[in-house]
Structures are given as C-alpha cells and as structure tokens.
Amino acid sequence: MTTRINRTEKLDLRLTADAKHTLAAAAQAERRSLSEFVLESALNRAEETLADRRVFQLPPEEWEAFIFALDAPPRDLPRLRELLNEPSVFSGDKRT
C-alpha cells in the first residue's frame, strides 16, 4: 500500500521548449511524470547544495581539538608540494 502525500504548495517556472523537451525525455526514460522527475531532481540537487552547510555539534573537548586543527599552520608535505609544482597535463607547459 502506498501512502499518498498531500502536496499543497505550487512552484511555477518558465523554461525554453528545448529544456522542457529534455526534461520530458528524461522523465519518460525513467517512466515517471514530468512533475515527479523535476521535483525529485530539484530536491536531490538541493540536498547536495545544502550538505556542507548543515550544522554539526561537538562536545566541548572535541570542539577545542577541531578549532586547534583549523588554526594550526599547514604541515609541510614535500611530495605534495612537488606534485603541485609539476606542469599540468592540460596546460601544455613543458617545465622540467
């Protein structure tokens, strides 16, 4: 048995015909209504966006350790420094 959720809020949006066609094709591919597909996709993206903005709490001693770690100077990691100084495969830079 499926529980039906009463949706009382409405969201209107304007989009191009191409955008609507793309969304409708994706919804059809997943055998969902356009509204279901758009709502689920938007909610998933919203959760991703908010994931790193959630409040977290620590006991006082762990909070102090956390703050200490944030305030500590960066450690010298020679291998990482060397890697970051190598030319990028995308830059075309031929440093040696």
N, C-alpha and C. Protein backbone atom coordinates (compact mmCIF):
# COMPACT_ATOMS: atom_id res chain seq x y z
N MET A 1 0.85 -1.18 0.00
CA MET A 1 0.00 0.00 0.00
C MET A 1 0.89 1.25 0.00
N THR A 2 0.61 2.20 -0.86
CA THR A 2 1.38 3.43 -0.98
C THR A 2 0.67 4.54 -0.23
N THR A 3 1.41 5.26 0.59
CA THR A 3 0.86 6.40 1.31
C THR A 3 0.91 7.61 0.40
N ARG A 4 -0.20 8.28 0.26
CA ARG A 4 -0.26 9.47 -0.59
C ARG A 4 0.03 10.69 0.26
N ILE A 5 0.96 11.51 -0.23
CA ILE A 5 1.33 12.74 0.45
C ILE A 5 0.55 13.88 -0.20
N ASN A 6 -0.13 14.65 0.62
CA ASN A 6 -0.91 15.77 0.12
C ASN A 6 0.02 16.96 -0.12
N ARG A 7 0.22 17.29 -1.37
CA ARG A 7 1.07 18.43 -1.72
C ARG A 7 0.20 19.66 -1.87
N THR A 8 0.51 20.67 -1.09
CA THR A 8 -0.33 21.87 -1.11
C THR A 8 0.37 23.08 -1.71
N GLU A 9 1.67 23.00 -1.90
CA GLU A 9 2.42 24.13 -2.44
C GLU A 9 2.63 23.96 -3.93
N LYS A 10 2.74 25.09 -4.61
CA LYS A 10 2.92 25.08 -6.06
C LYS A 10 4.14 25.93 -6.41
N LEU A 11 4.88 25.48 -7.42
CA LEU A 11 6.05 26.22 -7.92
C LEU A 11 5.91 26.34 -9.43
N ASP A 12 5.89 27.55 -9.92
CA ASP A 12 5.83 27.80 -11.36
C ASP A 12 7.20 28.19 -11.86
N LEU A 13 7.53 27.77 -13.08
CA LEU A 13 8.77 28.22 -13.67
C LEU A 13 8.62 28.31 -15.17
N ARG A 14 9.40 29.18 -15.74
CA ARG A 14 9.44 29.36 -17.19
C ARG A 14 10.70 28.70 -17.71
N LEU A 15 10.59 28.03 -18.85
CA LEU A 15 11.75 27.38 -19.43
C LEU A 15 11.59 27.35 -20.94
N THR A 16 12.68 27.09 -21.62
CA THR A 16 12.64 27.01 -23.08
C THR A 16 11.99 25.70 -23.50
N ALA A 17 11.55 25.66 -24.74
CA ALA A 17 10.97 24.43 -25.28
C ALA A 17 12.00 23.31 -25.27
N ASP A 18 13.26 23.64 -25.58
CA ASP A 18 14.31 22.62 -25.56
C ASP A 18 14.52 22.05 -24.16
N ALA A 19 14.51 22.92 -23.17
CA ALA A 19 14.69 22.46 -21.79
C ALA A 19 13.53 21.56 -21.38
N LYS A 20 12.31 21.94 -21.74
CA LYS A 20 11.15 21.12 -21.40
C LYS A 20 11.22 19.78 -22.10
N HIS A 21 11.64 19.78 -23.36
CA HIS A 21 11.76 18.54 -24.12
C HIS A 21 12.79 17.61 -23.47
N THR A 22 13.91 18.16 -23.05
CA THR A 22 14.95 17.36 -22.41
C THR A 22 14.44 16.76 -21.10
N LEU A 23 13.78 17.58 -20.29
CA LEU A 23 13.23 17.08 -19.02
C LEU A 23 12.17 16.02 -19.26
N ALA A 24 11.31 16.24 -20.25
CA ALA A 24 10.26 15.27 -20.54
C ALA A 24 10.85 13.94 -21.02
N ALA A 25 11.89 14.02 -21.84
CA ALA A 25 12.54 12.80 -22.33
C ALA A 25 13.18 12.03 -21.18
N ALA A 26 13.82 12.74 -20.27
CA ALA A 26 14.44 12.09 -19.12
C ALA A 26 13.37 11.47 -18.22
N ALA A 27 12.28 12.18 -18.00
CA ALA A 27 11.19 11.65 -17.18
C ALA A 27 10.61 10.39 -17.82
N GLN A 28 10.42 10.44 -19.11
CA GLN A 28 9.89 9.27 -19.83
C GLN A 28 10.85 8.08 -19.72
N ALA A 29 12.14 8.35 -19.83
CA ALA A 29 13.14 7.29 -19.73
C ALA A 29 13.08 6.59 -18.37
N GLU A 30 12.71 7.33 -17.34
CA GLU A 30 12.59 6.76 -16.00
C GLU A 30 11.16 6.35 -15.67
N ARG A 31 10.27 6.46 -16.66
CA ARG A 31 8.86 6.10 -16.50
C ARG A 31 8.22 6.82 -15.33
N ARG A 32 8.45 8.13 -15.32
CA ARG A 32 7.90 8.99 -14.28
C ARG A 32 7.19 10.15 -14.96
N SER A 33 6.32 10.80 -14.20
CA SER A 33 5.71 12.00 -14.75
C SER A 33 6.76 13.10 -14.76
N LEU A 34 6.53 14.09 -15.60
CA LEU A 34 7.45 15.22 -15.68
C LEU A 34 7.55 15.91 -14.32
N SER A 35 6.42 16.10 -13.66
CA SER A 35 6.43 16.75 -12.34
C SER A 35 7.23 15.95 -11.32
N GLU A 36 7.03 14.64 -11.28
CA GLU A 36 7.78 13.80 -10.35
C GLU A 36 9.28 13.88 -10.63
N PHE A 37 9.64 13.81 -11.90
CA PHE A 37 11.05 13.83 -12.27
C PHE A 37 11.70 15.16 -11.88
N VAL A 38 11.04 16.26 -12.21
CA VAL A 38 11.60 17.58 -11.92
C VAL A 38 11.69 17.79 -10.41
N LEU A 39 10.66 17.41 -9.65
CA LEU A 39 10.67 17.60 -8.21
C LEU A 39 11.79 16.77 -7.58
N GLU A 40 11.88 15.50 -7.94
CA GLU A 40 12.92 14.66 -7.34
C GLU A 40 14.32 15.16 -7.71
N SER A 41 14.51 15.56 -8.96
CA SER A 41 15.82 16.06 -9.39
C SER A 41 16.18 17.34 -8.65
N ALA A 42 15.22 18.24 -8.53
CA ALA A 42 15.48 19.50 -7.83
C ALA A 42 15.77 19.26 -6.35
N LEU A 43 15.04 18.35 -5.72
CA LEU A 43 15.28 18.06 -4.30
C LEU A 43 16.65 17.40 -4.10
N ASN A 44 17.04 16.51 -5.00
CA ASN A 44 18.37 15.89 -4.90
C ASN A 44 19.46 16.95 -5.01
N ARG A 45 19.32 17.85 -5.95
CA ARG A 45 20.31 18.92 -6.13
C ARG A 45 20.34 19.85 -4.93
N ALA A 46 19.17 20.14 -4.37
CA ALA A 46 19.10 20.99 -3.18
C ALA A 46 19.82 20.33 -2.01
N GLU A 47 19.62 19.03 -1.82
CA GLU A 47 20.31 18.32 -0.75
C GLU A 47 21.82 18.36 -0.94
N GLU A 48 22.29 18.19 -2.18
CA GLU A 48 23.72 18.27 -2.46
C GLU A 48 24.26 19.65 -2.11
N THR A 49 23.53 20.67 -2.48
CA THR A 49 23.95 22.04 -2.22
C THR A 49 24.02 22.34 -0.73
N LEU A 50 23.07 21.82 0.02
CA LEU A 50 22.99 22.11 1.45
C LEU A 50 23.83 21.17 2.31
N ALA A 51 24.32 20.09 1.74
CA ALA A 51 25.01 19.06 2.53
C ALA A 51 26.17 19.62 3.34
N ASP A 52 26.97 20.50 2.77
CA ASP A 52 28.12 21.02 3.52
C ASP A 52 27.78 22.27 4.32
N ARG A 53 26.51 22.60 4.39
CA ARG A 53 26.10 23.77 5.16
C ARG A 53 25.27 23.37 6.37
N ARG A 54 25.24 22.10 6.68
CA ARG A 54 24.48 21.61 7.82
C ARG A 54 25.20 21.96 9.12
N VAL A 55 24.46 22.10 10.16
CA VAL A 55 25.01 22.37 11.48
C VAL A 55 25.50 21.06 12.07
N PHE A 56 26.67 21.09 12.65
CA PHE A 56 27.14 19.92 13.38
C PHE A 56 27.60 20.36 14.74
N GLN A 57 27.47 19.47 15.70
CA GLN A 57 27.82 19.81 17.08
C GLN A 57 28.87 18.83 17.58
N LEU A 58 29.74 19.33 18.41
CA LEU A 58 30.79 18.52 19.02
C LEU A 58 30.79 18.78 20.52
N PRO A 59 31.18 17.77 21.29
CA PRO A 59 31.39 18.03 22.72
C PRO A 59 32.50 19.06 22.88
N PRO A 60 32.52 19.79 23.98
CA PRO A 60 33.50 20.88 24.16
C PRO A 60 34.95 20.48 23.90
N GLU A 61 35.38 19.31 24.38
CA GLU A 61 36.79 18.93 24.19
C GLU A 61 37.09 18.62 22.72
N GLU A 62 36.13 18.04 22.01
CA GLU A 62 36.33 17.79 20.58
C GLU A 62 36.27 19.09 19.78
N TRP A 63 35.43 20.02 20.23
CA TRP A 63 35.36 21.33 19.56
C TRP A 63 36.71 22.04 19.68
N GLU A 64 37.31 21.99 20.85
CA GLU A 64 38.62 22.63 21.05
C GLU A 64 39.67 22.00 20.15
N ALA A 65 39.66 20.68 20.02
CA ALA A 65 40.61 19.99 19.14
C ALA A 65 40.36 20.37 17.68
N PHE A 66 39.11 20.51 17.32
CA PHE A 66 38.74 20.91 15.96
C PHE A 66 39.27 22.31 15.65
N ILE A 67 39.03 23.25 16.56
CA ILE A 67 39.49 24.63 16.39
C ILE A 67 41.02 24.68 16.34
N PHE A 68 41.68 23.90 17.19
CA PHE A 68 43.14 23.84 17.20
C PHE A 68 43.65 23.37 15.84
N ALA A 69 43.01 22.33 15.29
CA ALA A 69 43.43 21.81 13.99
C ALA A 69 43.21 22.85 12.89
N LEU A 70 42.11 23.59 12.95
CA LEU A 70 41.86 24.62 11.95
C LEU A 70 42.87 25.75 12.02
N ASP A 71 43.26 26.11 13.24
CA ASP A 71 44.17 27.23 13.45
C ASP A 71 45.64 26.86 13.26
N ALA A 72 45.94 25.57 13.25
CA ALA A 72 47.33 25.14 13.13
C ALA A 72 47.89 25.50 11.76
N PRO A 73 49.18 25.84 11.69
CA PRO A 73 49.78 26.13 10.38
C PRO A 73 49.80 24.86 9.54
N PRO A 74 49.76 25.01 8.24
CA PRO A 74 49.77 23.82 7.38
C PRO A 74 51.07 23.04 7.54
N ARG A 75 50.97 21.73 7.45
CA ARG A 75 52.16 20.89 7.53
C ARG A 75 52.89 20.95 6.20
N ASP A 76 54.18 20.84 6.24
CA ASP A 76 54.97 20.78 5.02
C ASP A 76 54.92 19.35 4.50
N LEU A 77 54.40 19.19 3.30
CA LEU A 77 54.32 17.88 2.67
C LEU A 77 55.12 17.94 1.37
N PRO A 78 56.39 17.60 1.43
CA PRO A 78 57.27 17.76 0.27
C PRO A 78 56.77 17.06 -0.99
N ARG A 79 56.24 15.86 -0.86
CA ARG A 79 55.77 15.15 -2.05
C ARG A 79 54.57 15.85 -2.68
N LEU A 80 53.68 16.38 -1.84
CA LEU A 80 52.54 17.13 -2.36
C LEU A 80 53.01 18.42 -3.03
N ARG A 81 53.96 19.14 -2.39
CA ARG A 81 54.50 20.37 -2.98
C ARG A 81 55.10 20.06 -4.34
N GLU A 82 55.85 18.96 -4.44
CA GLU A 82 56.47 18.56 -5.70
C GLU A 82 55.40 18.27 -6.76
N LEU A 83 54.38 17.56 -6.37
CA LEU A 83 53.30 17.24 -7.30
C LEU A 83 52.62 18.51 -7.81
N LEU A 84 52.34 19.44 -6.93
CA LEU A 84 51.65 20.66 -7.32
C LEU A 84 52.53 21.58 -8.16
N ASN A 85 53.83 21.40 -8.12
CA ASN A 85 54.73 22.20 -8.94
C ASN A 85 55.00 21.59 -10.31
N GLU A 86 54.50 20.37 -10.53
CA GLU A 86 54.66 19.75 -11.84
C GLU A 86 53.70 20.42 -12.82
N PRO A 87 54.08 20.46 -14.11
CA PRO A 87 53.18 21.05 -15.09
C PRO A 87 51.92 20.19 -15.25
N SER A 88 50.83 20.86 -15.49
CA SER A 88 49.56 20.17 -15.69
C SER A 88 49.55 19.52 -17.07
N VAL A 89 48.89 18.39 -17.18
CA VAL A 89 48.74 17.75 -18.48
C VAL A 89 47.83 18.57 -19.39
N PHE A 90 47.09 19.49 -18.80
CA PHE A 90 46.18 20.33 -19.57
C PHE A 90 46.78 21.66 -19.97
N SER A 91 47.88 22.05 -19.33
CA SER A 91 48.43 23.37 -19.59
C SER A 91 49.33 23.43 -20.81
N GLY A 92 49.87 22.29 -21.21
CA GLY A 92 50.80 22.28 -22.32
C GLY A 92 52.17 22.81 -21.93
N ASP A 93 52.33 23.18 -20.66
CA ASP A 93 53.59 23.70 -20.15
C ASP A 93 54.59 22.57 -20.06
N LYS A 94 55.78 22.73 -20.61
CA LYS A 94 56.79 21.68 -20.66
C LYS A 94 57.91 21.92 -19.66
N ARG A 95 57.58 22.38 -18.44
CA ARG A 95 58.62 22.61 -17.45
C ARG A 95 59.34 21.30 -17.13
N THR A 96 60.62 21.39 -16.85
CA THR A 96 61.39 20.20 -16.46
C THR A 96 62.20 20.49 -15.23
